[in-house]
Protein backbone atom coordinates (compact mmCIF):
# COMPACT_ATOMS: atom_id res chain seq x y z
CA MET A 1 -19.20 33.39 -12.46
CA ASN A 2 -16.68 30.47 -13.48
CA ARG A 3 -18.63 26.97 -13.04
CA PRO A 4 -16.20 25.30 -10.44
CA ILE A 5 -14.42 21.84 -11.48
CA VAL A 6 -14.42 18.92 -8.90
CA ILE A 7 -11.29 16.82 -8.51
CA ALA A 8 -12.42 13.54 -6.96
CA ALA A 9 -9.26 11.87 -5.42
CA GLY A 10 -8.16 10.64 -1.96
CA GLY A 11 -6.25 7.61 -0.59
CA THR A 12 -2.92 7.40 -0.71
CA GLY A 13 -0.53 9.63 -2.66
CA GLY A 14 -0.67 7.43 -5.67
CA HIS A 15 -4.24 8.79 -6.70
CA PHE A 16 -3.74 11.88 -4.79
CA PHE A 17 -0.30 13.48 -6.08
CA PRO A 18 -1.52 13.43 -9.78
CA ALA A 19 -4.78 15.01 -9.31
CA GLU A 20 -3.14 17.66 -7.10
CA ALA A 21 -0.37 18.17 -10.01
CA VAL A 22 -3.73 18.48 -12.74
CA ALA A 23 -5.36 20.90 -10.32
CA THR A 24 -2.34 23.14 -10.06
CA VAL A 25 -2.39 23.96 -13.67
CA LEU A 26 -6.30 24.42 -13.20
CA ALA A 27 -5.40 26.40 -10.94
CA GLU A 28 -2.87 28.49 -13.27
CA ARG A 29 -5.70 29.02 -16.02
CA GLY A 30 -8.30 30.28 -13.61
CA HIS A 31 -10.66 27.80 -12.52
CA ASP A 32 -12.24 27.71 -9.07
CA LEU A 33 -11.65 24.01 -7.95
CA ILE A 34 -13.52 21.82 -5.39
CA LEU A 35 -12.08 18.67 -3.81
CA MET A 36 -14.02 15.73 -2.94
CA THR A 37 -12.24 13.31 -1.29
CA ASP A 38 -12.28 10.13 1.30
CA ALA A 39 -12.89 9.75 4.82
CA ARG A 40 -9.37 7.61 5.07
CA HIS A 41 -7.19 11.12 5.06
CA GLY A 42 -10.09 13.63 5.28
CA ARG A 43 -9.67 17.22 4.70
CA ARG A 44 -6.08 18.23 3.42
CA GLU A 45 -4.30 21.02 5.42
CA THR A 46 -1.61 21.49 3.42
CA GLY A 47 -1.15 21.93 -0.73
CA LEU A 48 -3.15 22.95 -3.34
CA PHE A 49 -6.50 22.36 -1.19
CA ALA A 50 -5.81 23.53 1.87
CA ASN A 51 -8.02 26.96 1.39
CA ARG A 52 -10.20 25.79 -1.43
CA PRO A 53 -13.40 23.80 -0.59
CA GLN A 54 -13.40 20.52 0.49
CA TYR A 55 -15.94 17.91 0.99
CA VAL A 56 -14.83 14.48 2.98
CA LEU A 57 -17.26 11.68 1.85
CA ASP A 58 -18.13 8.38 2.99
CA GLY A 59 -16.75 5.61 1.18
CA ALA A 60 -14.56 2.14 1.36
CA GLY A 61 -12.86 -0.47 -1.01
CA VAL A 62 -14.65 -3.30 -1.70
CA ALA A 63 -12.20 -5.50 -3.75
CA GLY A 64 -10.76 -8.55 -2.54
CA LYS A 65 -12.63 -8.33 0.31
CA GLY A 66 -15.47 -10.76 2.02
CA LEU A 67 -18.40 -10.97 2.10
CA LYS A 68 -19.32 -8.43 5.05
CA GLY A 69 -16.49 -6.02 3.91
CA LYS A 70 -18.00 -5.81 0.67
CA ILE A 71 -21.51 -5.33 2.36
CA SER A 72 -20.17 -2.27 4.75
CA GLY A 73 -18.07 -0.77 1.99
CA GLY A 74 -21.06 -0.90 -0.29
CA THR A 75 -23.26 0.71 2.20
CA ALA A 76 -20.36 3.32 2.56
CA LEU A 77 -20.29 4.18 -1.33
CA LEU A 78 -24.06 4.39 -1.28
CA LYS A 79 -23.67 6.96 1.19
CA GLY A 80 -21.36 8.49 -0.51
CA ILE A 81 -22.88 9.15 -3.42
CA VAL A 82 -26.38 10.49 -1.63
CA THR A 83 -23.99 13.05 -0.23
CA ALA A 84 -22.12 13.76 -3.43
CA ARG A 85 -24.94 14.42 -5.17
CA LYS A 86 -26.90 16.62 -2.88
CA HIS A 87 -23.49 18.78 -3.20
CA LEU A 88 -23.20 18.64 -7.10
CA ALA A 89 -26.74 19.42 -7.07
CA SER A 90 -26.00 22.64 -5.83
CA LEU A 91 -22.17 23.57 -6.91
CA ASN A 92 -23.63 23.46 -10.84
CA ALA A 93 -20.41 22.16 -11.31
CA ALA A 94 -18.75 22.23 -14.66
CA ALA A 95 -16.85 18.95 -14.36
CA VAL A 96 -16.00 16.06 -12.02
CA VAL A 97 -12.52 14.59 -12.66
CA GLY A 98 -11.83 11.31 -11.17
CA PHE A 99 -7.94 9.76 -10.17
CA GLY A 100 -9.18 6.07 -10.05
CA GLY A 101 -9.87 4.26 -6.76
CA TYR A 102 -13.02 4.25 -4.55
CA PRO A 103 -12.66 7.92 -3.43
CA SER A 104 -13.56 8.42 -7.18
CA ILE A 105 -16.65 6.76 -7.19
CA PRO A 106 -19.36 8.77 -5.25
CA PRO A 107 -18.54 11.92 -6.79
CA LEU A 108 -18.72 10.58 -10.29
CA LEU A 109 -21.80 8.29 -9.86
CA ALA A 110 -23.39 11.30 -8.46
CA ALA A 111 -22.40 13.53 -11.33
CA ARG A 112 -24.24 10.42 -13.55
CA LEU A 113 -27.49 10.83 -11.75
CA LEU A 114 -27.98 14.39 -11.98
CA PRO A 115 -30.82 15.34 -14.80
CA ALA A 116 -29.14 15.55 -17.76
CA HIS A 117 -29.29 19.61 -18.13
CA LYS A 118 -27.42 19.56 -14.77
CA ARG A 119 -24.90 16.78 -15.11
CA PRO A 120 -21.23 17.97 -15.58
CA LEU A 121 -18.33 16.66 -18.01
CA MET A 122 -17.26 13.24 -16.31
CA VAL A 123 -13.63 12.93 -17.01
CA ILE A 124 -11.01 10.01 -15.36
CA HIS A 125 -7.80 9.44 -15.42
CA GLU A 126 -6.16 5.68 -15.91
CA GLY A 127 -2.67 5.79 -14.17
CA ASN A 128 -2.14 2.05 -14.85
CA ALA A 129 -1.64 -0.39 -17.42
CA VAL A 130 -4.67 -2.36 -16.70
CA LEU A 131 -8.04 -0.21 -16.04
CA GLY A 132 -8.69 -0.25 -12.39
CA GLN A 133 -12.09 -1.24 -11.20
CA ALA A 134 -13.30 2.07 -10.07
CA ASN A 135 -12.69 3.40 -13.52
CA ALA A 136 -14.07 0.13 -15.03
CA LEU A 137 -16.93 0.78 -13.33
CA ILE A 138 -17.48 4.62 -14.11
CA ALA A 139 -16.17 3.57 -17.76
CA ARG A 140 -19.60 2.16 -18.42
CA PHE A 141 -20.90 5.70 -18.49
CA ASN A 142 -19.05 7.05 -21.26
CA PRO A 143 -16.57 9.38 -20.02
CA ILE A 144 -14.08 11.15 -20.89
CA ILE A 145 -10.78 8.95 -20.43
CA ALA A 146 -6.89 10.17 -20.10
CA THR A 147 -4.81 7.17 -19.74
CA SER A 148 -0.77 6.79 -18.98
CA TYR A 149 0.13 4.02 -21.18
CA THR A 150 -0.81 3.60 -24.72
CA HIS A 151 -2.31 0.08 -24.34
CA VAL A 152 -4.12 -0.38 -21.49
CA ALA A 153 -5.76 -3.71 -20.58
CA ARG A 154 -9.29 -4.21 -19.90
CA LEU A 155 -9.87 -0.81 -21.39
CA PRO A 156 -13.04 -1.37 -23.53
CA ASP A 157 -12.57 -0.89 -27.50
CA SER A 158 -15.89 1.38 -28.16
CA VAL A 159 -14.56 3.78 -25.22
CA GLU A 160 -12.60 6.84 -26.60
CA HIS A 161 -9.48 7.88 -24.70
CA GLN A 162 -6.55 9.85 -24.95
CA ARG A 163 -2.83 9.11 -23.67
CA THR A 164 -1.87 11.75 -21.76
CA GLY A 165 0.85 9.85 -19.54
CA MET A 166 0.97 9.71 -15.25
CA PRO A 167 0.84 13.78 -13.88
CA VAL A 168 3.73 14.33 -11.68
CA ARG A 169 4.59 16.82 -8.86
CA PRO A 170 6.36 19.79 -10.08
CA GLY A 171 9.77 18.58 -8.64
CA ILE A 172 10.01 15.31 -9.43
CA GLU A 173 9.08 17.17 -13.45
CA ALA A 174 12.11 19.21 -12.65
CA LEU A 175 14.44 16.01 -12.46
CA LEU A 176 13.56 15.16 -16.37
CA ASP A 177 16.91 17.28 -17.29
CA VAL A 178 19.28 16.11 -14.49
CA PRO A 179 21.78 13.54 -16.19
CA TYR A 180 22.30 10.11 -14.84
CA SER A 181 25.75 9.56 -13.21
CA ALA A 182 26.23 5.91 -12.75
CA PRO A 183 27.99 5.14 -9.51
CA THR A 184 31.64 5.27 -8.74
CA GLU A 185 32.66 5.78 -4.99
CA THR A 186 29.47 5.89 -2.79
CA ILE A 187 26.32 3.85 -4.23
CA ASN A 188 23.10 5.30 -3.38
CA LEU A 189 20.30 2.99 -2.90
CA LEU A 190 16.86 4.39 -2.53
CA VAL A 191 14.42 1.75 -1.02
CA TRP A 192 10.58 3.23 -1.31
CA GLY A 193 7.76 1.13 -1.07
CA GLY A 194 4.33 3.54 -1.85
CA SER A 195 3.14 6.40 0.76
CA LEU A 196 3.16 4.10 3.49
CA GLY A 197 6.24 1.74 2.84
CA ALA A 198 6.44 -2.37 2.35
CA SER A 199 6.81 -3.90 5.35
CA ILE A 200 8.20 -6.70 3.72
CA PHE A 201 11.10 -4.62 2.65
CA SER A 202 12.08 -3.81 6.49
CA THR A 203 13.09 -7.36 6.86
CA LEU A 204 14.50 -8.34 3.54
CA VAL A 205 16.26 -5.26 2.25
CA PRO A 206 18.37 -5.24 5.46
CA GLN A 207 19.10 -8.76 5.47
CA ALA A 208 19.68 -9.26 1.68
CA ILE A 209 22.29 -6.11 1.85
CA ALA A 210 24.12 -7.75 5.06
CA ALA A 211 25.15 -10.50 2.87
CA LEU A 212 26.84 -8.52 0.29
CA PRO A 213 30.62 -8.45 0.33
CA ALA A 214 32.10 -5.97 2.54
CA GLU A 215 33.60 -3.59 -0.12
CA LEU A 216 29.84 -3.23 -1.60
CA ARG A 217 28.52 -2.70 2.27
CA ALA A 218 30.95 0.16 2.48
CA ARG A 219 30.17 1.76 -0.47
CA LEU A 220 26.69 1.46 -0.09
CA HIS A 221 24.05 4.66 1.64
CA VAL A 222 20.64 3.13 1.92
CA THR A 223 17.92 5.63 2.06
CA GLN A 224 14.78 3.45 3.04
CA GLN A 225 10.97 4.55 3.92
CA VAL A 226 9.15 2.33 6.11
CA ARG A 227 6.60 2.11 8.56
CA GLY A 228 6.80 3.84 11.85
CA ASN A 229 6.79 1.05 14.05
CA ASP A 230 9.76 -0.88 12.10
CA LEU A 231 11.80 2.61 11.93
CA GLU A 232 13.98 1.23 15.28
CA ASN A 233 14.48 -2.12 14.03
CA VAL A 234 15.53 -1.40 10.57
CA LYS A 235 18.13 1.18 11.72
CA ASN A 236 19.86 -1.46 14.17
CA LEU A 237 19.78 -4.08 10.98
CA TYR A 238 21.61 -1.70 8.81
CA ALA A 239 24.16 -0.49 11.83
CA GLN A 240 24.65 -4.27 12.36
CA SER A 241 26.02 -4.45 8.65
CA GLY A 242 27.99 -1.78 9.08
CA VAL A 243 26.07 -0.04 6.14
CA SER A 244 25.53 3.88 5.92
CA CYS A 245 21.20 4.92 5.90
CA HIS A 246 18.98 7.02 6.21
CA VAL A 247 15.64 5.84 7.19
CA GLU A 248 12.37 7.68 7.78
CA SER A 249 8.18 6.97 7.58
CA PHE A 250 8.02 9.39 4.92
CA PHE A 251 10.22 11.50 2.75
CA HIS A 252 9.08 15.61 2.17
CA ASP A 253 12.13 15.76 -0.15
CA VAL A 254 11.34 13.08 -2.69
CA PRO A 255 12.76 14.70 -5.78
CA GLU A 256 15.95 15.63 -4.21
CA ARG A 257 16.17 11.63 -2.51
CA LEU A 258 15.26 10.26 -6.38
CA LYS A 259 17.75 12.58 -8.06
CA SER A 260 20.96 11.25 -6.20
CA ALA A 261 19.48 7.55 -6.55
CA HIS A 262 21.77 5.34 -8.21
CA LEU A 263 19.38 2.43 -8.19
CA VAL A 264 15.53 2.09 -6.86
CA ILE A 265 13.91 -0.70 -4.68
CA GLY A 266 10.05 -0.33 -4.38
CA ARG A 267 6.56 -1.02 -5.84
CA ALA A 268 5.24 -0.18 -9.28
CA GLY A 269 2.54 1.39 -9.17
CA GLY A 270 1.35 4.09 -11.52
CA SER A 271 2.74 6.81 -9.54
CA SER A 272 6.25 5.50 -8.82
CA VAL A 273 6.69 4.16 -12.43
CA ALA A 274 5.94 7.46 -13.78
CA GLU A 275 8.46 9.32 -11.20
CA LEU A 276 11.11 6.59 -12.08
CA ALA A 277 10.75 7.59 -16.20
CA MET A 278 10.51 11.35 -15.42
CA ALA A 279 13.70 10.81 -12.98
CA GLY A 280 15.65 8.07 -15.41
CA ARG A 281 16.53 5.95 -12.28
CA PRO A 282 17.14 2.44 -12.69
CA SER A 283 14.63 0.21 -10.57
CA LEU A 284 14.32 -3.31 -8.88
CA LEU A 285 10.36 -3.63 -8.85
CA VAL A 286 8.71 -5.89 -6.74
CA PRO A 287 4.68 -5.33 -7.38
CA LEU A 288 2.26 -5.71 -4.99
CA PRO A 289 0.91 -9.24 -5.20
CA ILE A 290 -2.62 -8.18 -3.44
CA ALA A 291 -3.23 -5.68 -6.22
CA ALA A 292 -7.27 -6.81 -7.50
CA SER A 293 -5.79 -7.24 -11.15
CA ASP A 294 -2.28 -7.28 -11.32
CA GLU A 295 -2.17 -3.56 -12.43
CA GLN A 296 1.55 -3.43 -10.78
CA GLY A 297 2.89 -6.14 -12.43
CA ALA A 298 1.56 -5.08 -15.63
CA ASN A 299 3.39 -1.46 -14.85
CA ALA A 300 6.41 -3.20 -13.49
CA GLN A 301 6.07 -5.36 -17.47
CA ALA A 302 6.22 -1.94 -19.23
CA LEU A 303 9.33 -0.84 -17.56
CA GLU A 304 11.06 -4.16 -17.99
CA ASP A 305 10.12 -4.43 -21.57
CA VAL A 306 11.71 -1.16 -22.61
CA GLY A 307 14.84 -2.48 -20.24
CA ALA A 308 14.62 0.38 -17.92
CA ALA A 309 14.21 -2.20 -14.81
CA TRP A 310 13.85 -5.56 -13.56
CA MET A 311 11.14 -7.26 -11.74
CA ILE A 312 10.80 -9.59 -8.90
CA ARG A 313 7.47 -10.96 -8.18
CA GLN A 314 6.99 -11.20 -4.49
CA ALA A 315 6.11 -14.60 -4.29
CA ILE A 316 9.76 -15.72 -5.15
CA LEU A 317 11.26 -12.80 -3.53
CA THR A 318 14.03 -13.74 -0.67
CA PRO A 319 16.99 -12.28 0.35
CA ALA A 320 19.19 -14.63 -0.80
CA LEU A 321 17.83 -13.58 -4.79
CA LEU A 322 17.67 -10.01 -3.60
CA THR A 323 21.60 -9.85 -2.61
CA GLU A 324 22.61 -11.67 -6.04
CA ARG A 325 20.72 -9.37 -8.31
CA LEU A 326 22.24 -6.31 -6.41
CA ILE A 327 25.83 -8.03 -6.70
CA ALA A 328 25.04 -8.53 -10.38
CA LEU A 329 23.58 -4.62 -10.74
CA LEU A 330 26.27 -2.81 -8.72
CA THR A 331 29.41 -4.09 -9.71
CA HIS A 332 28.05 -3.44 -13.40
CA PRO A 333 27.36 0.24 -13.58
CA GLU A 334 26.79 0.33 -17.20
CA GLN A 335 24.00 -1.88 -16.65
CA LEU A 336 22.64 0.66 -14.66
CA SER A 337 23.44 3.74 -17.05
CA ALA A 338 21.59 1.54 -19.80
CA ALA A 339 18.63 1.47 -17.55
CA ALA A 340 17.96 4.80 -16.70
CA ALA A 341 18.26 5.58 -19.93
CA ALA A 342 15.54 3.24 -20.88
CA ALA A 343 13.98 4.69 -18.16
CA ARG A 344 13.85 8.39 -19.11
CA SER A 345 12.70 7.40 -22.89
CA PHE A 346 9.51 6.15 -21.15
CA ALA A 347 9.06 9.85 -19.49
CA THR A 348 5.82 11.78 -20.96
CA PRO A 349 6.54 15.09 -19.80
CA ARG A 350 3.79 17.79 -19.03
CA ALA A 351 1.33 15.07 -18.40
CA ALA A 352 -0.72 17.13 -15.90
CA GLU A 353 -0.70 20.14 -18.82
CA ARG A 354 -2.11 17.51 -21.19
CA VAL A 355 -4.74 16.25 -18.95
CA ALA A 356 -5.76 19.84 -18.32
CA ASP A 357 -5.95 20.65 -21.83
CA LEU A 358 -8.18 17.77 -22.30
CA ILE A 359 -10.56 19.00 -20.01
CA THR A 360 -10.91 22.61 -20.83
CA ALA A 361 -10.79 21.43 -24.60
CA ALA A 362 -14.23 18.94 -23.94
CA LEU A 363 -15.47 22.15 -21.65
CA SER A 364 -15.33 24.64 -24.68
CA HIS A 365 -17.18 21.85 -27.13
């Protein structure tokens, strides 16, 4: 009987999608899989894990919170660790693989707390250009570390690591061979903000687009992800500007949306950057300003440094500034084409397979 591999992931798609991509490869290779996740999203009723064992653990983030929030979050994490250790003691897992964020802490720390002869292999994947706080905690216990970037800030020199790239969904990986074509008549603008949408884009982007010259607005088609309570307002703003739009709170066909995009506006999470690179799409990136270690700023900077994107810090972002940037880019399609080529050069194909290779190689020793 195969000893199972525990996947520790939850929260937003930025952590879960890479986990699912790697798990898919491991499943194809015949490994038994178990998901340990957090209560924020709970059991997965669709996808790879729907019919596999799942454990929903207590846990909460503590970064950026006040004393009361830290105490509450710390207590929840301790409960999650105790529960995870109980499960792991009976599962006889071969490995626990975490993908960052607080949902990965209880299973990995629980694995470390098992007796040495029952302790599973510990593996973490870091999706950002800065080692996240959860992974920094786990890194103290000498796990195997896979990274998305060649250089990862705050990664201790003494810790062994291997660059695998960021695993992406199969539909995104398939875009690697789809060429980019600069806009001619219709201009497709994709605005995304992570799995929940970014509320600042719901007001700022429509205002910026409303100020574009009429000839540009007539050519523009906006596809935008917004929070549910902003849907009608955003649709009305585009209608008032005479701009064609498709606005939803969640897109189930992200590969198709990305495939048709001429320019993307969004955050700079590790998964978003990897998907932009794999698709070879130019972007205007606005890093999340409240990220604990400004990892999104480092991600965006990495893309900007190779000419694949333009970063705008949220603190200085105004509708007028965005209007100015959009005019400059949309009237110079050769700049978009150059950025698209640079983005694709930044991609790391087969990252999910590379992470799976790292895990299976370690298990064979």
